[in-house]
Amino acid sequence: MANSIPTPKYKKKLIHWFCLFLISIHTLAQENISVKPLPMSSQLPSSSAPRVFQDKEGYVWLGTFDGLCRYDGYRLIIFRSDSKNQNLLQSNEITCIAEDAGNSLLIGTKQGLNILNKATLAITTTDKKELQDVEIKSI
């Protein structure tokens, strides 16, 4: 009966070929990836958008460190509190974005939860006290 256990020399060759195979797949996969900046990136209120969400209608919502943006493929609308309009968002640092069954956008910030009515684009705070003045990390 033949010994079916590979010898240590055979194991080394097998591991060597497997590693080369993984490296070649990794290299080939990288050749097909291209990264292009978004056409409106210069209009963002912050240099990065760590939160990205696409809603049911196809709008792309970008949560930045300095506000919320809605991109429709043509133009960018920015929502943020400033000295003229302090009641828009509780905090301009967006931590998470989600959509509820009522077609409203839920916006988590460093200082609470905001609700954006997508039909009117009006933003309100939640009436739940436990979600006010706290960092919302996920929805």
N, C-alpha and C. Protein backbone atom coordinates (compact mmCIF):
# COMPACT_ATOMS: atom_id res chain seq x y z
N MET A 1 0.83 -1.17 0.00
CA MET A 1 0.00 0.00 0.00
C MET A 1 0.88 1.24 0.00
N ALA A 2 0.57 2.17 -0.90
CA ALA A 2 1.38 3.37 -1.05
C ALA A 2 1.12 4.34 0.08
N ASN A 3 2.13 5.05 0.45
CA ASN A 3 2.01 6.05 1.50
C ASN A 3 1.35 7.30 0.92
N SER A 4 0.18 7.69 1.44
CA SER A 4 -0.56 8.83 0.91
C SER A 4 -0.20 10.14 1.58
N ILE A 5 0.67 10.12 2.56
CA ILE A 5 1.08 11.34 3.26
C ILE A 5 2.21 11.97 2.48
N PRO A 6 2.07 13.26 2.05
CA PRO A 6 3.13 13.91 1.28
C PRO A 6 4.39 14.07 2.10
N THR A 7 5.51 13.98 1.43
CA THR A 7 6.79 14.17 2.10
C THR A 7 7.00 15.65 2.37
N PRO A 8 7.86 15.99 3.33
CA PRO A 8 8.09 17.41 3.63
C PRO A 8 8.56 18.20 2.40
N LYS A 9 9.39 17.58 1.54
CA LYS A 9 9.87 18.26 0.34
C LYS A 9 8.70 18.55 -0.60
N TYR A 10 7.80 17.60 -0.74
CA TYR A 10 6.62 17.78 -1.59
C TYR A 10 5.71 18.86 -1.02
N LYS A 11 5.55 18.90 0.31
CA LYS A 11 4.73 19.93 0.97
C LYS A 11 5.29 21.32 0.70
N LYS A 12 6.59 21.48 0.77
CA LYS A 12 7.21 22.78 0.52
C LYS A 12 6.94 23.25 -0.91
N LYS A 13 7.07 22.33 -1.87
CA LYS A 13 6.81 22.70 -3.27
C LYS A 13 5.34 23.07 -3.46
N LEU A 14 4.46 22.31 -2.84
CA LEU A 14 3.04 22.59 -2.96
C LEU A 14 2.70 23.95 -2.37
N ILE A 15 3.22 24.26 -1.22
CA ILE A 15 2.99 25.56 -0.58
C ILE A 15 3.58 26.67 -1.43
N HIS A 16 4.77 26.45 -1.98
CA HIS A 16 5.42 27.43 -2.84
C HIS A 16 4.55 27.75 -4.06
N TRP A 17 4.06 26.73 -4.75
CA TRP A 17 3.23 26.93 -5.93
C TRP A 17 1.89 27.57 -5.57
N PHE A 18 1.34 27.22 -4.44
CA PHE A 18 0.07 27.81 -4.01
C PHE A 18 0.26 29.30 -3.72
N CYS A 19 1.35 29.67 -3.08
CA CYS A 19 1.63 31.08 -2.80
C CYS A 19 1.83 31.86 -4.10
N LEU A 20 2.56 31.29 -5.04
CA LEU A 20 2.73 31.95 -6.33
C LEU A 20 1.39 32.14 -7.04
N PHE A 21 0.54 31.14 -6.94
CA PHE A 21 -0.79 31.22 -7.54
C PHE A 21 -1.59 32.37 -6.92
N LEU A 22 -1.59 32.48 -5.60
CA LEU A 22 -2.31 33.56 -4.92
C LEU A 22 -1.75 34.93 -5.29
N ILE A 23 -0.43 35.04 -5.37
CA ILE A 23 0.19 36.31 -5.73
C ILE A 23 -0.19 36.70 -7.16
N SER A 24 -0.20 35.74 -8.07
CA SER A 24 -0.54 36.07 -9.45
C SER A 24 -2.00 36.47 -9.58
N ILE A 25 -2.89 35.83 -8.85
CA ILE A 25 -4.30 36.23 -8.87
C ILE A 25 -4.45 37.63 -8.31
N HIS A 26 -3.76 37.91 -7.23
CA HIS A 26 -3.82 39.24 -6.61
C HIS A 26 -3.31 40.31 -7.58
N THR A 27 -2.23 40.01 -8.27
CA THR A 27 -1.66 40.96 -9.23
C THR A 27 -2.60 41.17 -10.41
N LEU A 28 -3.19 40.11 -10.93
CA LEU A 28 -4.12 40.25 -12.05
C LEU A 28 -5.37 41.02 -11.65
N ALA A 29 -5.84 40.80 -10.45
CA ALA A 29 -7.03 41.50 -9.98
C ALA A 29 -6.76 43.00 -9.85
N GLN A 30 -5.57 43.38 -9.47
CA GLN A 30 -5.24 44.79 -9.32
C GLN A 30 -5.18 45.52 -10.65
N GLU A 31 -4.87 44.82 -11.72
CA GLU A 31 -4.75 45.47 -13.02
C GLU A 31 -6.10 45.97 -13.53
N ASN A 32 -7.21 45.38 -13.10
CA ASN A 32 -8.53 45.73 -13.60
C ASN A 32 -9.22 46.80 -12.77
N ILE A 33 -8.60 47.26 -11.72
CA ILE A 33 -9.22 48.24 -10.85
C ILE A 33 -8.75 49.64 -11.24
N SER A 34 -9.71 50.52 -11.43
CA SER A 34 -9.35 51.91 -11.68
C SER A 34 -10.16 52.79 -10.73
N VAL A 35 -9.51 53.77 -10.19
CA VAL A 35 -10.16 54.68 -9.25
C VAL A 35 -10.18 56.06 -9.89
N LYS A 36 -11.37 56.62 -9.99
CA LYS A 36 -11.51 57.96 -10.55
C LYS A 36 -12.20 58.84 -9.52
N PRO A 37 -11.75 60.07 -9.37
CA PRO A 37 -12.43 60.95 -8.41
C PRO A 37 -13.84 61.28 -8.88
N LEU A 38 -14.72 61.47 -7.93
CA LEU A 38 -16.07 61.87 -8.27
C LEU A 38 -16.04 63.26 -8.89
N PRO A 39 -16.88 63.53 -9.89
CA PRO A 39 -16.81 64.83 -10.55
C PRO A 39 -17.12 66.01 -9.64
N MET A 40 -17.85 65.77 -8.56
CA MET A 40 -18.23 66.87 -7.67
C MET A 40 -17.38 66.90 -6.40
N SER A 41 -16.28 66.15 -6.35
CA SER A 41 -15.50 66.06 -5.11
C SER A 41 -14.97 67.41 -4.64
N SER A 42 -14.72 68.33 -5.56
CA SER A 42 -14.23 69.65 -5.15
C SER A 42 -15.33 70.48 -4.48
N GLN A 43 -16.59 70.07 -4.63
CA GLN A 43 -17.71 70.80 -4.03
C GLN A 43 -18.07 70.29 -2.63
N LEU A 44 -17.48 69.17 -2.21
CA LEU A 44 -17.81 68.61 -0.90
C LEU A 44 -17.38 69.56 0.21
N PRO A 45 -18.13 69.61 1.31
CA PRO A 45 -17.76 70.50 2.42
C PRO A 45 -16.54 70.01 3.19
N SER A 46 -16.14 68.77 2.96
CA SER A 46 -14.99 68.19 3.63
C SER A 46 -14.18 67.43 2.59
N SER A 47 -12.91 67.18 2.86
CA SER A 47 -12.05 66.53 1.87
C SER A 47 -12.34 65.04 1.71
N SER A 48 -13.13 64.46 2.59
CA SER A 48 -13.46 63.04 2.47
C SER A 48 -14.92 62.81 2.87
N ALA A 49 -15.43 61.68 2.39
CA ALA A 49 -16.81 61.30 2.71
C ALA A 49 -16.80 59.85 3.21
N PRO A 50 -16.56 59.66 4.51
CA PRO A 50 -16.46 58.29 5.03
C PRO A 50 -17.79 57.53 5.07
N ARG A 51 -18.91 58.20 4.93
CA ARG A 51 -20.22 57.54 4.93
C ARG A 51 -20.88 57.75 3.57
N VAL A 52 -21.21 56.66 2.90
CA VAL A 52 -21.87 56.72 1.59
C VAL A 52 -23.08 55.80 1.65
N PHE A 53 -24.23 56.32 1.18
CA PHE A 53 -25.47 55.56 1.20
C PHE A 53 -26.27 55.87 -0.06
N GLN A 54 -26.80 54.85 -0.69
CA GLN A 54 -27.67 55.06 -1.84
C GLN A 54 -29.09 54.69 -1.44
N ASP A 55 -30.04 55.63 -1.61
CA ASP A 55 -31.41 55.38 -1.19
C ASP A 55 -32.21 54.67 -2.28
N LYS A 56 -33.49 54.41 -2.00
CA LYS A 56 -34.36 53.67 -2.91
C LYS A 56 -34.53 54.35 -4.26
N GLU A 57 -34.48 55.68 -4.27
CA GLU A 57 -34.65 56.43 -5.51
C GLU A 57 -33.37 56.50 -6.34
N GLY A 58 -32.25 56.12 -5.75
CA GLY A 58 -30.97 56.15 -6.46
C GLY A 58 -30.08 57.31 -6.09
N TYR A 59 -30.56 58.21 -5.23
CA TYR A 59 -29.71 59.32 -4.79
C TYR A 59 -28.56 58.77 -3.94
N VAL A 60 -27.40 59.39 -4.09
CA VAL A 60 -26.25 59.02 -3.28
C VAL A 60 -26.08 60.07 -2.20
N TRP A 61 -26.08 59.62 -0.96
CA TRP A 61 -25.92 60.50 0.19
C TRP A 61 -24.51 60.31 0.73
N LEU A 62 -23.81 61.40 0.93
CA LEU A 62 -22.43 61.38 1.41
C LEU A 62 -22.38 62.04 2.78
N GLY A 63 -21.92 61.30 3.75
CA GLY A 63 -21.74 61.85 5.09
C GLY A 63 -20.29 62.25 5.26
N THR A 64 -20.06 63.53 5.49
CA THR A 64 -18.70 64.03 5.65
C THR A 64 -18.47 64.46 7.10
N PHE A 65 -17.28 64.97 7.37
CA PHE A 65 -16.98 65.51 8.69
C PHE A 65 -17.55 66.90 8.88
N ASP A 66 -18.11 67.46 7.78
CA ASP A 66 -18.63 68.82 7.86
C ASP A 66 -19.98 68.96 7.14
N GLY A 67 -20.81 67.91 7.19
CA GLY A 67 -22.15 68.01 6.63
C GLY A 67 -22.58 66.80 5.84
N LEU A 68 -23.82 66.84 5.39
CA LEU A 68 -24.45 65.79 4.60
C LEU A 68 -24.66 66.31 3.19
N CYS A 69 -24.41 65.46 2.18
CA CYS A 69 -24.57 65.86 0.78
C CYS A 69 -25.46 64.85 0.06
N ARG A 70 -26.27 65.38 -0.86
CA ARG A 70 -27.07 64.51 -1.74
C ARG A 70 -26.60 64.75 -3.16
N TYR A 71 -26.22 63.65 -3.84
CA TYR A 71 -25.75 63.73 -5.22
C TYR A 71 -26.71 62.95 -6.10
N ASP A 72 -27.22 63.60 -7.16
CA ASP A 72 -28.17 62.96 -8.05
C ASP A 72 -27.57 62.61 -9.41
N GLY A 73 -26.29 62.72 -9.55
CA GLY A 73 -25.62 62.45 -10.81
C GLY A 73 -25.32 63.71 -11.59
N TYR A 74 -25.97 64.82 -11.21
CA TYR A 74 -25.77 66.10 -11.90
C TYR A 74 -25.34 67.21 -10.96
N ARG A 75 -25.95 67.23 -9.77
CA ARG A 75 -25.62 68.32 -8.85
C ARG A 75 -25.56 67.80 -7.42
N LEU A 76 -24.95 68.60 -6.59
CA LEU A 76 -24.74 68.27 -5.18
C LEU A 76 -25.50 69.26 -4.31
N ILE A 77 -26.29 68.75 -3.37
CA ILE A 77 -26.97 69.59 -2.39
C ILE A 77 -26.32 69.31 -1.04
N ILE A 78 -25.94 70.37 -0.34
CA ILE A 78 -25.24 70.24 0.94
C ILE A 78 -26.18 70.67 2.06
N PHE A 79 -26.25 69.84 3.11
CA PHE A 79 -27.03 70.12 4.32
C PHE A 79 -26.04 70.22 5.47
N ARG A 80 -26.03 71.38 6.13
CA ARG A 80 -25.19 71.51 7.32
C ARG A 80 -25.59 72.74 8.11
N SER A 81 -25.35 72.66 9.39
CA SER A 81 -25.61 73.80 10.27
C SER A 81 -24.45 74.77 10.16
N ASP A 82 -24.76 76.04 10.26
CA ASP A 82 -23.73 77.08 10.31
C ASP A 82 -24.24 78.23 11.16
N SER A 83 -23.56 79.34 11.15
CA SER A 83 -23.96 80.45 12.01
C SER A 83 -25.32 81.03 11.62
N LYS A 84 -25.72 80.90 10.34
CA LYS A 84 -27.01 81.42 9.89
C LYS A 84 -28.15 80.44 10.13
N ASN A 85 -27.86 79.15 10.12
CA ASN A 85 -28.90 78.13 10.27
C ASN A 85 -28.39 77.04 11.21
N GLN A 86 -28.52 77.26 12.50
CA GLN A 86 -27.96 76.34 13.48
C GLN A 86 -28.87 75.15 13.78
N ASN A 87 -30.10 75.17 13.34
CA ASN A 87 -31.03 74.10 13.68
C ASN A 87 -31.16 73.04 12.59
N LEU A 88 -30.30 73.05 11.60
CA LEU A 88 -30.41 72.08 10.52
C LEU A 88 -29.97 70.68 10.97
N LEU A 89 -28.75 70.54 11.40
CA LEU A 89 -28.22 69.28 11.93
C LEU A 89 -27.71 69.51 13.34
N GLN A 90 -27.85 68.49 14.19
CA GLN A 90 -27.32 68.64 15.55
C GLN A 90 -25.80 68.72 15.54
N SER A 91 -25.19 68.03 14.57
CA SER A 91 -23.74 68.08 14.40
C SER A 91 -23.47 67.89 12.92
N ASN A 92 -22.48 68.56 12.40
CA ASN A 92 -22.13 68.40 10.99
C ASN A 92 -21.30 67.15 10.73
N GLU A 93 -20.80 66.52 11.78
CA GLU A 93 -20.03 65.29 11.60
C GLU A 93 -20.98 64.10 11.52
N ILE A 94 -21.14 63.57 10.32
CA ILE A 94 -22.08 62.48 10.06
C ILE A 94 -21.40 61.15 10.38
N THR A 95 -22.05 60.34 11.22
CA THR A 95 -21.48 59.07 11.63
C THR A 95 -22.13 57.86 10.96
N CYS A 96 -23.39 57.98 10.51
CA CYS A 96 -24.07 56.88 9.82
C CYS A 96 -25.31 57.41 9.11
N ILE A 97 -25.74 56.67 8.09
CA ILE A 97 -26.90 57.05 7.30
C ILE A 97 -27.71 55.79 7.01
N ALA A 98 -29.04 55.90 7.11
CA ALA A 98 -29.94 54.78 6.78
C ALA A 98 -31.26 55.35 6.30
N GLU A 99 -32.11 54.48 5.79
CA GLU A 99 -33.43 54.87 5.31
C GLU A 99 -34.47 54.03 6.04
N ASP A 100 -35.57 54.67 6.44
CA ASP A 100 -36.61 53.91 7.13
C ASP A 100 -37.73 53.53 6.16
N ALA A 101 -38.71 52.79 6.65
CA ALA A 101 -39.82 52.32 5.81
C ALA A 101 -40.70 53.47 5.34
N GLY A 102 -40.71 54.59 6.05
CA GLY A 102 -41.51 55.74 5.68
C GLY A 102 -40.82 56.65 4.67
N ASN A 103 -39.72 56.19 4.08
CA ASN A 103 -38.99 56.93 3.06
C ASN A 103 -38.28 58.18 3.60
N SER A 104 -37.97 58.17 4.89
CA SER A 104 -37.18 59.25 5.49
C SER A 104 -35.74 58.78 5.63
N LEU A 105 -34.83 59.72 5.61
CA LEU A 105 -33.41 59.41 5.79
C LEU A 105 -33.05 59.63 7.25
N LEU A 106 -32.45 58.64 7.86
CA LEU A 106 -32.00 58.73 9.25
C LEU A 106 -30.52 59.08 9.23
N ILE A 107 -30.17 60.15 9.92
CA ILE A 107 -28.80 60.67 9.88
C ILE A 107 -28.24 60.64 11.30
N GLY A 108 -27.27 59.77 11.52
CA GLY A 108 -26.59 59.73 12.80
C GLY A 108 -25.45 60.71 12.81
N THR A 109 -25.33 61.46 13.90
CA THR A 109 -24.25 62.44 14.03
C THR A 109 -23.53 62.24 15.35
N LYS A 110 -22.53 63.05 15.59
CA LYS A 110 -21.79 63.00 16.86
C LYS A 110 -22.64 63.48 18.03
N GLN A 111 -23.77 64.19 17.74
CA GLN A 111 -24.59 64.74 18.82
C GLN A 111 -26.05 64.34 18.73
N GLY A 112 -26.36 63.22 18.07
CA GLY A 112 -27.74 62.77 18.06
C GLY A 112 -28.22 62.32 16.70
N LEU A 113 -29.50 61.94 16.66
CA LEU A 113 -30.14 61.44 15.45
C LEU A 113 -31.00 62.51 14.81
N ASN A 114 -30.85 62.69 13.51
CA ASN A 114 -31.66 63.62 12.73
C ASN A 114 -32.47 62.83 11.72
N ILE A 115 -33.62 63.36 11.33
CA ILE A 115 -34.48 62.72 10.35
C ILE A 115 -34.73 63.70 9.22
N LEU A 116 -34.42 63.28 7.99
CA LEU A 116 -34.61 64.12 6.83
C LEU A 116 -35.80 63.60 6.03
N ASN A 117 -36.81 64.46 5.85
CA ASN A 117 -37.96 64.13 5.03
C ASN A 117 -37.51 64.34 3.59
N LYS A 118 -37.40 63.25 2.81
CA LYS A 118 -36.86 63.37 1.46
C LYS A 118 -37.80 64.11 0.50
N ALA A 119 -39.07 64.17 0.81
CA ALA A 119 -40.01 64.89 -0.05
C ALA A 119 -39.85 66.40 0.10
N THR A 120 -39.64 66.87 1.33
CA THR A 120 -39.55 68.32 1.58
C THR A 120 -38.11 68.78 1.85
N LEU A 121 -37.21 67.83 2.09
CA LEU A 121 -35.82 68.09 2.46
C LEU A 121 -35.70 68.81 3.80
N ALA A 122 -36.73 68.72 4.63
CA ALA A 122 -36.69 69.30 5.97
C ALA A 122 -36.04 68.31 6.93
N ILE A 123 -35.20 68.84 7.80
CA ILE A 123 -34.51 68.01 8.79
C ILE A 123 -35.04 68.35 10.18
N THR A 124 -35.38 67.29 10.92
CA THR A 124 -35.81 67.45 12.31
C THR A 124 -34.99 66.52 13.19
N THR A 125 -35.03 66.79 14.49
CA THR A 125 -34.38 65.90 15.44
C THR A 125 -35.40 64.87 15.90
N THR A 126 -34.92 63.79 16.42
CA THR A 126 -35.81 62.76 16.94
C THR A 126 -36.42 63.22 18.26
N ASP A 127 -37.61 62.74 18.54
CA ASP A 127 -38.24 63.10 19.81
C ASP A 127 -37.85 62.15 20.93
N LYS A 128 -37.05 61.16 20.65
CA LYS A 128 -36.60 60.21 21.68
C LYS A 128 -35.40 60.79 22.41
N LYS A 129 -35.57 61.04 23.69
CA LYS A 129 -34.54 61.69 24.51
C LYS A 129 -33.23 60.91 24.54
N GLU A 130 -33.33 59.57 24.51
CA GLU A 130 -32.12 58.75 24.61
C GLU A 130 -31.26 58.82 23.34
N LEU A 131 -31.80 59.39 22.26
CA LEU A 131 -31.05 59.53 21.00
C LEU A 131 -30.64 60.98 20.74
N GLN A 132 -30.79 61.83 21.73
CA GLN A 132 -30.39 63.22 21.60
C GLN A 132 -29.12 63.46 22.40
N ASP A 133 -28.26 64.27 21.87
CA ASP A 133 -26.99 64.66 22.51
C ASP A 133 -26.08 63.48 22.82
N VAL A 134 -26.17 62.43 22.01
CA VAL A 134 -25.25 61.29 22.12
C VAL A 134 -24.74 60.96 20.72
N GLU A 135 -23.56 60.37 20.66
CA GLU A 135 -23.02 59.96 19.36
C GLU A 135 -23.78 58.72 18.88
N ILE A 136 -24.30 58.80 17.67
CA ILE A 136 -25.00 57.66 17.05
C ILE A 136 -23.97 56.95 16.20
N LYS A 137 -23.62 55.73 16.57
CA LYS A 137 -22.55 55.00 15.87
C LYS A 137 -23.09 54.12 14.76
N SER A 138 -24.33 53.66 14.85
CA SER A 138 -24.93 52.84 13.79
C SER A 138 -26.43 52.90 13.90
N ILE A 139 -27.07 52.64 12.76
CA ILE A 139 -28.53 52.63 12.71
C ILE A 139 -28.98 51.28 12.17
